[in-house]
Amino acid sequence: MPSVWRVALVLALLALLMIGSGTAAWRLQANSYDKQLADQARLPADDLTAISNAAAAQVRADQDKRLALEQRLSASEQIHYKELSDAQTYQARLRDRLATSDLRLSVLLDTSDSAGGCAVPAGTAAGSVVHGGTRARLDAAHAQRIVGITDAGDQGLIALAAC
């Protein structure tokens, strides 16, 4: 009977080895599946991270573009305001010079028009610095009316330039 026991013992050992190897194979396969599942779970997270980073980079680029546009617009507005202010200041100075008789308006006369019957002298005074044709100085009241008309036109041109 000892040989029956030996055979039974060998069979028991073989059964234990098969169970042990089956368990080891089962564990190895479970670890492999767990690794594959972890990799699959990590892929969407990596994709979401990449999408989030790309969106953040796009937002930063858009913010930089907006900031650059705002700076250009601010510089343009400053230049425009200075030009507008300078034009208004020049116009006010000219109006003040005309009002104080520091500057006089004159008109160029057509001396070739014989039908006009104008009795304005043909030459300028010897001390005059006016070059060109014969000129006649306007009365201050008429000059003020002309300046008022041109002032309204100048204001319109300034407003048009502002647009």
N, C-alpha and C. Protein backbone atom coordinates (compact mmCIF):
# COMPACT_ATOMS: atom_id res chain seq x y z
N MET A 1 0.75 -1.17 0.00
CA MET A 1 0.00 0.00 0.00
C MET A 1 0.82 1.27 0.00
N PRO A 2 1.97 1.10 0.34
CA PRO A 2 2.76 2.31 0.28
C PRO A 2 2.83 2.88 -1.12
N SER A 3 2.76 2.06 -2.13
CA SER A 3 2.81 2.65 -3.46
C SER A 3 1.51 3.37 -3.80
N VAL A 4 0.39 2.94 -3.24
CA VAL A 4 -0.88 3.62 -3.47
C VAL A 4 -0.80 5.00 -2.80
N TRP A 5 -0.21 4.99 -1.63
CA TRP A 5 -0.06 6.27 -0.94
C TRP A 5 0.87 7.21 -1.70
N ARG A 6 1.85 6.62 -2.28
CA ARG A 6 2.78 7.45 -3.06
C ARG A 6 2.07 8.04 -4.27
N VAL A 7 1.28 7.24 -4.92
CA VAL A 7 0.56 7.70 -6.09
C VAL A 7 -0.45 8.76 -5.66
N ALA A 8 -1.11 8.54 -4.56
CA ALA A 8 -2.09 9.52 -4.06
C ALA A 8 -1.39 10.81 -3.67
N LEU A 9 -0.23 10.64 -3.04
CA LEU A 9 0.52 11.83 -2.66
C LEU A 9 1.01 12.60 -3.89
N VAL A 10 1.45 11.89 -4.89
CA VAL A 10 1.90 12.53 -6.13
C VAL A 10 0.72 13.21 -6.80
N LEU A 11 -0.43 12.51 -6.82
CA LEU A 11 -1.62 13.10 -7.43
C LEU A 11 -2.07 14.34 -6.65
N ALA A 12 -1.98 14.28 -5.35
CA ALA A 12 -2.35 15.44 -4.52
C ALA A 12 -1.39 16.61 -4.79
N LEU A 13 -0.11 16.28 -4.89
CA LEU A 13 0.88 17.32 -5.19
C LEU A 13 0.63 17.91 -6.57
N LEU A 14 0.31 17.06 -7.52
CA LEU A 14 0.02 17.55 -8.87
C LEU A 14 -1.24 18.43 -8.85
N ALA A 15 -2.21 18.04 -8.08
CA ALA A 15 -3.44 18.85 -7.98
C ALA A 15 -3.13 20.20 -7.35
N LEU A 16 -2.32 20.17 -6.29
CA LEU A 16 -1.93 21.43 -5.65
C LEU A 16 -1.13 22.31 -6.61
N LEU A 17 -0.24 21.70 -7.36
CA LEU A 17 0.54 22.47 -8.35
C LEU A 17 -0.36 23.06 -9.41
N MET A 18 -1.33 22.31 -9.85
CA MET A 18 -2.24 22.82 -10.89
C MET A 18 -3.11 23.95 -10.31
N ILE A 19 -3.56 23.76 -9.10
CA ILE A 19 -4.36 24.81 -8.47
C ILE A 19 -3.50 26.05 -8.25
N GLY A 20 -2.27 25.85 -7.78
CA GLY A 20 -1.35 26.97 -7.55
C GLY A 20 -1.00 27.69 -8.84
N SER A 21 -0.75 26.93 -9.90
CA SER A 21 -0.41 27.56 -11.18
C SER A 21 -1.64 28.25 -11.77
N GLY A 22 -2.80 27.65 -11.58
CA GLY A 22 -4.03 28.29 -12.06
C GLY A 22 -4.29 29.60 -11.32
N THR A 23 -4.06 29.56 -10.00
CA THR A 23 -4.23 30.78 -9.21
C THR A 23 -3.22 31.84 -9.63
N ALA A 24 -1.99 31.42 -9.86
CA ALA A 24 -0.96 32.36 -10.30
C ALA A 24 -1.31 32.94 -11.67
N ALA A 25 -1.80 32.09 -12.56
CA ALA A 25 -2.19 32.58 -13.89
C ALA A 25 -3.38 33.53 -13.78
N TRP A 26 -4.30 33.18 -12.89
CA TRP A 26 -5.47 34.03 -12.67
C TRP A 26 -5.03 35.41 -12.14
N ARG A 27 -4.14 35.41 -11.18
CA ARG A 27 -3.64 36.68 -10.61
C ARG A 27 -2.87 37.48 -11.65
N LEU A 28 -2.06 36.79 -12.45
CA LEU A 28 -1.29 37.48 -13.49
C LEU A 28 -2.22 38.11 -14.51
N GLN A 29 -3.24 37.37 -14.90
CA GLN A 29 -4.21 37.91 -15.86
C GLN A 29 -5.01 39.05 -15.23
N ALA A 30 -5.35 38.96 -13.98
CA ALA A 30 -6.09 40.03 -13.29
C ALA A 30 -5.23 41.29 -13.22
N ASN A 31 -3.96 41.12 -12.91
CA ASN A 31 -3.05 42.29 -12.88
C ASN A 31 -2.94 42.92 -14.26
N SER A 32 -2.90 42.09 -15.30
CA SER A 32 -2.81 42.61 -16.66
C SER A 32 -4.08 43.40 -17.02
N TYR A 33 -5.24 42.84 -16.66
CA TYR A 33 -6.50 43.55 -16.92
C TYR A 33 -6.60 44.84 -16.11
N ASP A 34 -6.17 44.78 -14.86
CA ASP A 34 -6.18 46.00 -14.03
C ASP A 34 -5.30 47.08 -14.64
N LYS A 35 -4.15 46.67 -15.16
CA LYS A 35 -3.26 47.64 -15.80
C LYS A 35 -3.90 48.22 -17.04
N GLN A 36 -4.53 47.38 -17.85
CA GLN A 36 -5.20 47.86 -19.06
C GLN A 36 -6.36 48.80 -18.71
N LEU A 37 -7.12 48.47 -17.69
CA LEU A 37 -8.22 49.34 -17.26
C LEU A 37 -7.69 50.69 -16.74
N ALA A 38 -6.60 50.66 -16.00
CA ALA A 38 -6.01 51.90 -15.49
C ALA A 38 -5.51 52.76 -16.65
N ASP A 39 -4.89 52.11 -17.66
CA ASP A 39 -4.43 52.86 -18.84
C ASP A 39 -5.60 53.48 -19.58
N GLN A 40 -6.68 52.72 -19.73
CA GLN A 40 -7.85 53.24 -20.43
C GLN A 40 -8.50 54.37 -19.63
N ALA A 41 -8.51 54.27 -18.34
CA ALA A 41 -9.09 55.33 -17.51
C ALA A 41 -8.21 56.59 -17.55
N ARG A 42 -6.90 56.42 -17.69
CA ARG A 42 -5.98 57.55 -17.72
C ARG A 42 -6.04 58.29 -19.06
N LEU A 43 -6.35 57.60 -20.16
CA LEU A 43 -6.38 58.23 -21.48
C LEU A 43 -7.38 59.39 -21.55
N PRO A 44 -8.64 59.24 -21.11
CA PRO A 44 -9.55 60.38 -21.16
C PRO A 44 -9.08 61.53 -20.26
N ALA A 45 -8.50 61.20 -19.13
CA ALA A 45 -7.98 62.26 -18.24
C ALA A 45 -6.85 63.01 -18.94
N ASP A 46 -5.97 62.28 -19.63
CA ASP A 46 -4.89 62.94 -20.37
C ASP A 46 -5.46 63.80 -21.50
N ASP A 47 -6.49 63.27 -22.18
CA ASP A 47 -7.12 64.04 -23.26
C ASP A 47 -7.77 65.31 -22.71
N LEU A 48 -8.46 65.18 -21.58
CA LEU A 48 -9.09 66.36 -20.96
C LEU A 48 -8.05 67.38 -20.52
N THR A 49 -6.93 66.91 -20.01
CA THR A 49 -5.85 67.82 -19.62
C THR A 49 -5.29 68.54 -20.84
N ALA A 50 -5.08 67.81 -21.93
CA ALA A 50 -4.57 68.43 -23.16
C ALA A 50 -5.57 69.45 -23.71
N ILE A 51 -6.85 69.11 -23.70
CA ILE A 51 -7.88 70.04 -24.19
C ILE A 51 -7.94 71.28 -23.31
N SER A 52 -7.87 71.06 -21.99
CA SER A 52 -7.89 72.18 -21.05
C SER A 52 -6.69 73.10 -21.25
N ASN A 53 -5.51 72.52 -21.45
CA ASN A 53 -4.31 73.33 -21.68
C ASN A 53 -4.41 74.11 -22.99
N ALA A 54 -4.96 73.48 -24.03
CA ALA A 54 -5.12 74.17 -25.31
C ALA A 54 -6.11 75.32 -25.19
N ALA A 55 -7.20 75.09 -24.45
CA ALA A 55 -8.19 76.15 -24.26
C ALA A 55 -7.61 77.31 -23.46
N ALA A 56 -6.81 77.00 -22.44
CA ALA A 56 -6.18 78.04 -21.64
C ALA A 56 -5.19 78.85 -22.49
N ALA A 57 -4.46 78.17 -23.35
CA ALA A 57 -3.52 78.87 -24.23
C ALA A 57 -4.27 79.78 -25.20
N GLN A 58 -5.40 79.31 -25.71
CA GLN A 58 -6.21 80.13 -26.63
C GLN A 58 -6.77 81.36 -25.91
N VAL A 59 -7.21 81.18 -24.68
CA VAL A 59 -7.73 82.31 -23.90
C VAL A 59 -6.63 83.33 -23.66
N ARG A 60 -5.43 82.87 -23.31
CA ARG A 60 -4.30 83.79 -23.11
C ARG A 60 -3.98 84.54 -24.39
N ALA A 61 -3.98 83.83 -25.52
CA ALA A 61 -3.68 84.48 -26.80
C ALA A 61 -4.75 85.53 -27.13
N ASP A 62 -6.01 85.19 -26.89
CA ASP A 62 -7.10 86.15 -27.14
C ASP A 62 -6.99 87.36 -26.21
N GLN A 63 -6.63 87.13 -24.97
CA GLN A 63 -6.46 88.24 -24.04
C GLN A 63 -5.31 89.14 -24.46
N ASP A 64 -4.22 88.54 -24.94
CA ASP A 64 -3.09 89.33 -25.42
C ASP A 64 -3.48 90.17 -26.64
N LYS A 65 -4.25 89.57 -27.55
CA LYS A 65 -4.71 90.31 -28.73
C LYS A 65 -5.61 91.47 -28.31
N ARG A 66 -6.50 91.22 -27.35
CA ARG A 66 -7.42 92.26 -26.88
C ARG A 66 -6.64 93.40 -26.22
N LEU A 67 -5.64 93.05 -25.40
CA LEU A 67 -4.84 94.06 -24.74
C LEU A 67 -4.09 94.91 -25.77
N ALA A 68 -3.52 94.27 -26.78
CA ALA A 68 -2.81 95.01 -27.83
C ALA A 68 -3.76 95.93 -28.58
N LEU A 69 -4.96 95.45 -28.88
CA LEU A 69 -5.95 96.27 -29.56
C LEU A 69 -6.37 97.46 -28.70
N GLU A 70 -6.57 97.23 -27.40
CA GLU A 70 -6.95 98.31 -26.50
C GLU A 70 -5.84 99.36 -26.42
N GLN A 71 -4.59 98.92 -26.41
CA GLN A 71 -3.46 99.86 -26.36
C GLN A 71 -3.39 100.68 -27.65
N ARG A 72 -3.58 100.02 -28.80
CA ARG A 72 -3.57 100.76 -30.07
C ARG A 72 -4.72 101.75 -30.12
N LEU A 73 -5.89 101.34 -29.66
CA LEU A 73 -7.05 102.22 -29.65
C LEU A 73 -6.83 103.41 -28.73
N SER A 74 -6.24 103.17 -27.58
CA SER A 74 -5.95 104.25 -26.63
C SER A 74 -4.96 105.24 -27.24
N ALA A 75 -3.92 104.73 -27.89
CA ALA A 75 -2.93 105.61 -28.52
C ALA A 75 -3.58 106.41 -29.64
N SER A 76 -4.44 105.77 -30.42
CA SER A 76 -5.13 106.46 -31.51
C SER A 76 -6.05 107.55 -30.96
N GLU A 77 -6.76 107.24 -29.88
CA GLU A 77 -7.65 108.24 -29.27
C GLU A 77 -6.86 109.42 -28.73
N GLN A 78 -5.70 109.15 -28.14
CA GLN A 78 -4.87 110.24 -27.62
C GLN A 78 -4.38 111.13 -28.75
N ILE A 79 -3.94 110.53 -29.84
CA ILE A 79 -3.47 111.31 -30.99
C ILE A 79 -4.62 112.13 -31.56
N HIS A 80 -5.77 111.48 -31.70
CA HIS A 80 -6.94 112.16 -32.25
C HIS A 80 -7.36 113.33 -31.35
N TYR A 81 -7.39 113.11 -30.04
CA TYR A 81 -7.77 114.17 -29.11
C TYR A 81 -6.80 115.34 -29.19
N LYS A 82 -5.49 115.04 -29.30
CA LYS A 82 -4.50 116.11 -29.40
C LYS A 82 -4.70 116.90 -30.70
N GLU A 83 -4.92 116.21 -31.81
CA GLU A 83 -5.16 116.90 -33.08
C GLU A 83 -6.41 117.77 -32.99
N LEU A 84 -7.47 117.24 -32.41
CA LEU A 84 -8.71 118.00 -32.26
C LEU A 84 -8.50 119.22 -31.37
N SER A 85 -7.82 119.03 -30.27
CA SER A 85 -7.55 120.13 -29.35
C SER A 85 -6.67 121.19 -30.01
N ASP A 86 -5.66 120.75 -30.76
CA ASP A 86 -4.78 121.70 -31.46
C ASP A 86 -5.56 122.49 -32.51
N ALA A 87 -6.44 121.84 -33.24
CA ALA A 87 -7.23 122.53 -34.26
C ALA A 87 -8.16 123.55 -33.62
N GLN A 88 -8.78 123.18 -32.50
CA GLN A 88 -9.67 124.13 -31.83
C GLN A 88 -8.88 125.29 -31.24
N THR A 89 -7.71 125.02 -30.69
CA THR A 89 -6.87 126.10 -30.14
C THR A 89 -6.43 127.05 -31.24
N TYR A 90 -6.00 126.50 -32.38
CA TYR A 90 -5.57 127.35 -33.49
C TYR A 90 -6.72 128.21 -33.98
N GLN A 91 -7.89 127.61 -34.08
CA GLN A 91 -9.06 128.36 -34.55
C GLN A 91 -9.41 129.48 -33.55
N ALA A 92 -9.35 129.20 -32.26
CA ALA A 92 -9.65 130.22 -31.25
C ALA A 92 -8.63 131.34 -31.29
N ARG A 93 -7.37 131.02 -31.47
CA ARG A 93 -6.32 132.06 -31.56
C ARG A 93 -6.54 132.94 -32.79
N LEU A 94 -6.87 132.31 -33.91
CA LEU A 94 -7.12 133.08 -35.13
C LEU A 94 -8.31 134.01 -34.93
N ARG A 95 -9.37 133.50 -34.32
CA ARG A 95 -10.56 134.31 -34.06
C ARG A 95 -10.22 135.48 -33.12
N ASP A 96 -9.40 135.21 -32.10
CA ASP A 96 -9.00 136.27 -31.17
C ASP A 96 -8.12 137.31 -31.86
N ARG A 97 -7.23 136.88 -32.71
CA ARG A 97 -6.36 137.83 -33.43
C ARG A 97 -7.18 138.72 -34.36
N LEU A 98 -8.20 138.12 -34.99
CA LEU A 98 -9.05 138.93 -35.85
C LEU A 98 -9.89 139.91 -35.02
N ALA A 99 -10.33 139.48 -33.85
CA ALA A 99 -11.16 140.34 -33.00
C ALA A 99 -10.36 141.51 -32.44
N THR A 100 -9.10 141.32 -32.15
CA THR A 100 -8.27 142.39 -31.58
C THR A 100 -7.57 143.21 -32.65
N SER A 101 -7.87 143.01 -33.87
CA SER A 101 -7.27 143.70 -35.02
C SER A 101 -5.77 143.45 -35.11
N ASP A 102 -5.30 142.41 -34.47
CA ASP A 102 -3.91 142.02 -34.61
C ASP A 102 -3.70 141.44 -36.01
N LEU A 103 -4.75 140.85 -36.53
CA LEU A 103 -4.73 140.27 -37.87
C LEU A 103 -5.94 140.82 -38.61
N ARG A 104 -5.73 141.25 -39.82
CA ARG A 104 -6.83 141.82 -40.61
C ARG A 104 -7.09 140.94 -41.82
N LEU A 105 -8.36 140.78 -42.13
CA LEU A 105 -8.74 140.05 -43.32
C LEU A 105 -8.68 140.98 -44.52
N SER A 106 -8.23 140.43 -45.62
CA SER A 106 -8.23 141.19 -46.86
C SER A 106 -8.68 140.28 -47.97
N VAL A 107 -9.11 140.89 -49.05
CA VAL A 107 -9.55 140.11 -50.21
C VAL A 107 -8.71 140.52 -51.40
N LEU A 108 -8.50 139.56 -52.27
CA LEU A 108 -7.76 139.82 -53.50
C LEU A 108 -8.72 140.43 -54.51
N LEU A 109 -8.32 141.53 -55.10
CA LEU A 109 -9.18 142.22 -56.07
C LEU A 109 -8.81 141.82 -57.48
N ASP A 110 -9.82 141.77 -58.32
CA ASP A 110 -9.62 141.51 -59.73
C ASP A 110 -9.50 142.86 -60.42
N THR A 111 -8.28 143.28 -60.73
CA THR A 111 -8.06 144.59 -61.34
C THR A 111 -8.37 144.58 -62.83
N SER A 112 -8.56 143.39 -63.39
CA SER A 112 -8.86 143.34 -64.82
C SER A 112 -10.35 143.55 -65.07
N ASP A 113 -11.18 143.54 -64.04
CA ASP A 113 -12.63 143.72 -64.18
C ASP A 113 -12.94 145.21 -64.27
N SER A 114 -13.14 145.70 -65.48
CA SER A 114 -13.41 147.13 -65.67
C SER A 114 -14.88 147.45 -65.48
N ALA A 115 -15.75 146.43 -65.50
CA ALA A 115 -17.19 146.67 -65.38
C ALA A 115 -17.61 146.82 -63.93
N GLY A 116 -16.74 146.47 -62.98
CA GLY A 116 -17.12 146.51 -61.58
C GLY A 116 -17.27 147.92 -61.06
N GLY A 117 -16.59 148.87 -61.59
CA GLY A 117 -16.68 150.25 -61.15
C GLY A 117 -16.16 150.44 -59.74
N CYS A 118 -15.19 149.67 -59.34
CA CYS A 118 -14.65 149.73 -57.99
C CYS A 118 -13.64 150.86 -57.90
N ALA A 119 -13.70 151.63 -56.84
CA ALA A 119 -12.80 152.76 -56.67
C ALA A 119 -11.69 152.44 -55.69
N VAL A 120 -11.22 151.21 -55.66
CA VAL A 120 -10.13 150.82 -54.76
C VAL A 120 -8.82 151.11 -55.46
N PRO A 121 -7.84 151.66 -54.74
CA PRO A 121 -6.55 151.94 -55.37
C PRO A 121 -5.90 150.67 -55.91
N ALA A 122 -5.15 150.82 -56.98
CA ALA A 122 -4.59 149.67 -57.68
C ALA A 122 -3.32 149.16 -57.03
N GLY A 123 -2.58 149.93 -56.30
CA GLY A 123 -1.31 149.48 -55.73
C GLY A 123 -1.38 149.34 -54.23
N THR A 124 -0.38 148.68 -53.68
CA THR A 124 -0.29 148.54 -52.23
C THR A 124 0.65 149.61 -51.71
N ALA A 125 0.61 149.82 -50.43
CA ALA A 125 1.47 150.84 -49.83
C ALA A 125 2.92 150.42 -49.94
N ALA A 126 3.82 151.40 -49.86
CA ALA A 126 5.24 151.11 -50.02
C ALA A 126 5.77 150.22 -48.91
N GLY A 127 5.24 150.30 -47.71
CA GLY A 127 5.73 149.51 -46.59
C GLY A 127 5.03 148.17 -46.45
N SER A 128 4.20 147.81 -47.37
CA SER A 128 3.41 146.58 -47.26
C SER A 128 4.26 145.38 -47.62
N VAL A 129 3.99 144.27 -46.96
CA VAL A 129 4.69 143.02 -47.26
C VAL A 129 3.79 142.07 -48.04
N VAL A 130 2.67 142.53 -48.48
CA VAL A 130 1.73 141.70 -49.23
C VAL A 130 2.28 141.51 -50.63
N HIS A 131 2.40 140.28 -51.02
CA HIS A 131 2.87 139.96 -52.37
C HIS A 131 1.69 139.50 -53.19
N GLY A 132 1.77 139.65 -54.45
CA GLY A 132 0.70 139.21 -55.32
C GLY A 132 -0.12 140.38 -55.80
N GLY A 133 -1.40 140.08 -56.09
CA GLY A 133 -2.28 141.09 -56.66
C GLY A 133 -2.73 142.12 -55.63
N THR A 134 -3.56 143.04 -56.10
CA THR A 134 -4.07 144.11 -55.26
C THR A 134 -5.06 143.53 -54.25
N ARG A 135 -4.97 144.01 -53.00
CA ARG A 135 -5.82 143.51 -51.92
C ARG A 135 -6.53 144.69 -51.27
N ALA A 136 -7.71 144.44 -50.75
CA ALA A 136 -8.46 145.46 -50.01
C ALA A 136 -8.77 144.88 -48.64
N ARG A 137 -8.58 145.68 -47.58
CA ARG A 137 -8.87 145.21 -46.23
C ARG A 137 -10.36 145.36 -45.95
N LEU A 138 -10.89 144.37 -45.24
CA LEU A 138 -12.32 144.37 -44.92
C LEU A 138 -12.57 145.13 -43.63
N ASP A 139 -13.76 145.67 -43.54
CA ASP A 139 -14.21 146.31 -42.31
C ASP A 139 -14.26 145.25 -41.21
N ALA A 140 -13.99 145.63 -39.96
CA ALA A 140 -13.93 144.69 -38.84
C ALA A 140 -15.27 143.97 -38.64
N ALA A 141 -16.38 144.67 -38.79
CA ALA A 141 -17.69 144.04 -38.61
C ALA A 141 -17.94 142.97 -39.66
N HIS A 142 -17.57 143.29 -40.91
CA HIS A 142 -17.73 142.30 -41.98
C HIS A 142 -16.79 141.11 -41.75
N ALA A 143 -15.60 141.42 -41.30
CA ALA A 143 -14.64 140.35 -41.03
C ALA A 143 -15.16 139.43 -39.93
N GLN A 144 -15.79 139.99 -38.90
CA GLN A 144 -16.35 139.18 -37.82
C GLN A 144 -17.47 138.27 -38.34
N ARG A 145 -18.30 138.77 -39.23
CA ARG A 145 -19.36 137.94 -39.80
C ARG A 145 -18.77 136.81 -40.63
N ILE A 146 -17.74 137.12 -41.41
CA ILE A 146 -17.08 136.09 -42.21
C ILE A 146 -16.43 135.05 -41.30
N VAL A 147 -15.79 135.53 -40.25
CA VAL A 147 -15.16 134.60 -39.30
C VAL A 147 -16.22 133.73 -38.63
N GLY A 148 -17.38 134.28 -38.31
CA GLY A 148 -18.46 133.49 -37.72
C GLY A 148 -18.93 132.39 -38.66
N ILE A 149 -19.04 132.73 -39.94
CA ILE A 149 -19.46 131.74 -40.93
C ILE A 149 -18.40 130.65 -41.07
N THR A 150 -17.15 131.07 -41.21
CA THR A 150 -16.08 130.09 -41.38
C THR A 150 -15.85 129.30 -40.09
N ASP A 151 -16.15 129.95 -38.94
CA ASP A 151 -16.02 129.25 -37.66
C ASP A 151 -16.98 128.05 -37.62
N ALA A 152 -18.21 128.26 -38.06
CA ALA A 152 -19.18 127.17 -38.09
C ALA A 152 -18.71 126.07 -39.05
N GLY A 153 -18.15 126.47 -40.19
CA GLY A 153 -17.63 125.49 -41.15
C GLY A 153 -16.44 124.73 -40.57
N ASP A 154 -15.55 125.47 -39.88
CA ASP A 154 -14.41 124.83 -39.26
C ASP A 154 -14.84 123.83 -38.19
N GLN A 155 -15.84 124.22 -37.39
CA GLN A 155 -16.35 123.30 -36.36
C GLN A 155 -16.92 122.04 -37.03
N GLY A 156 -17.58 122.21 -38.15
CA GLY A 156 -18.11 121.04 -38.88
C GLY A 156 -17.00 120.17 -39.40
N LEU A 157 -15.94 120.79 -39.92
CA LEU A 157 -14.79 120.00 -40.42
C LEU A 157 -14.09 119.27 -39.26
N ILE A 158 -13.97 119.95 -38.12
CA ILE A 158 -13.35 119.31 -36.97
C ILE A 158 -14.19 118.11 -36.51
N ALA A 159 -15.50 118.31 -36.47
CA ALA A 159 -16.40 117.20 -36.08
C ALA A 159 -16.33 116.07 -37.10
N LEU A 160 -16.24 116.42 -38.38
CA LEU A 160 -16.13 115.39 -39.40
C LEU A 160 -14.81 114.62 -39.27
N ALA A 161 -13.73 115.34 -38.98
CA ALA A 161 -12.45 114.68 -38.78
C ALA A 161 -12.50 113.79 -37.55
N ALA A 162 -13.29 114.19 -36.54
CA ALA A 162 -13.42 113.39 -35.33
C ALA A 162 -14.13 112.07 -35.63
N CYS A 163 -15.00 112.08 -36.61
CA CYS A 163 -15.70 110.84 -36.96
C CYS A 163 -14.76 109.91 -37.68
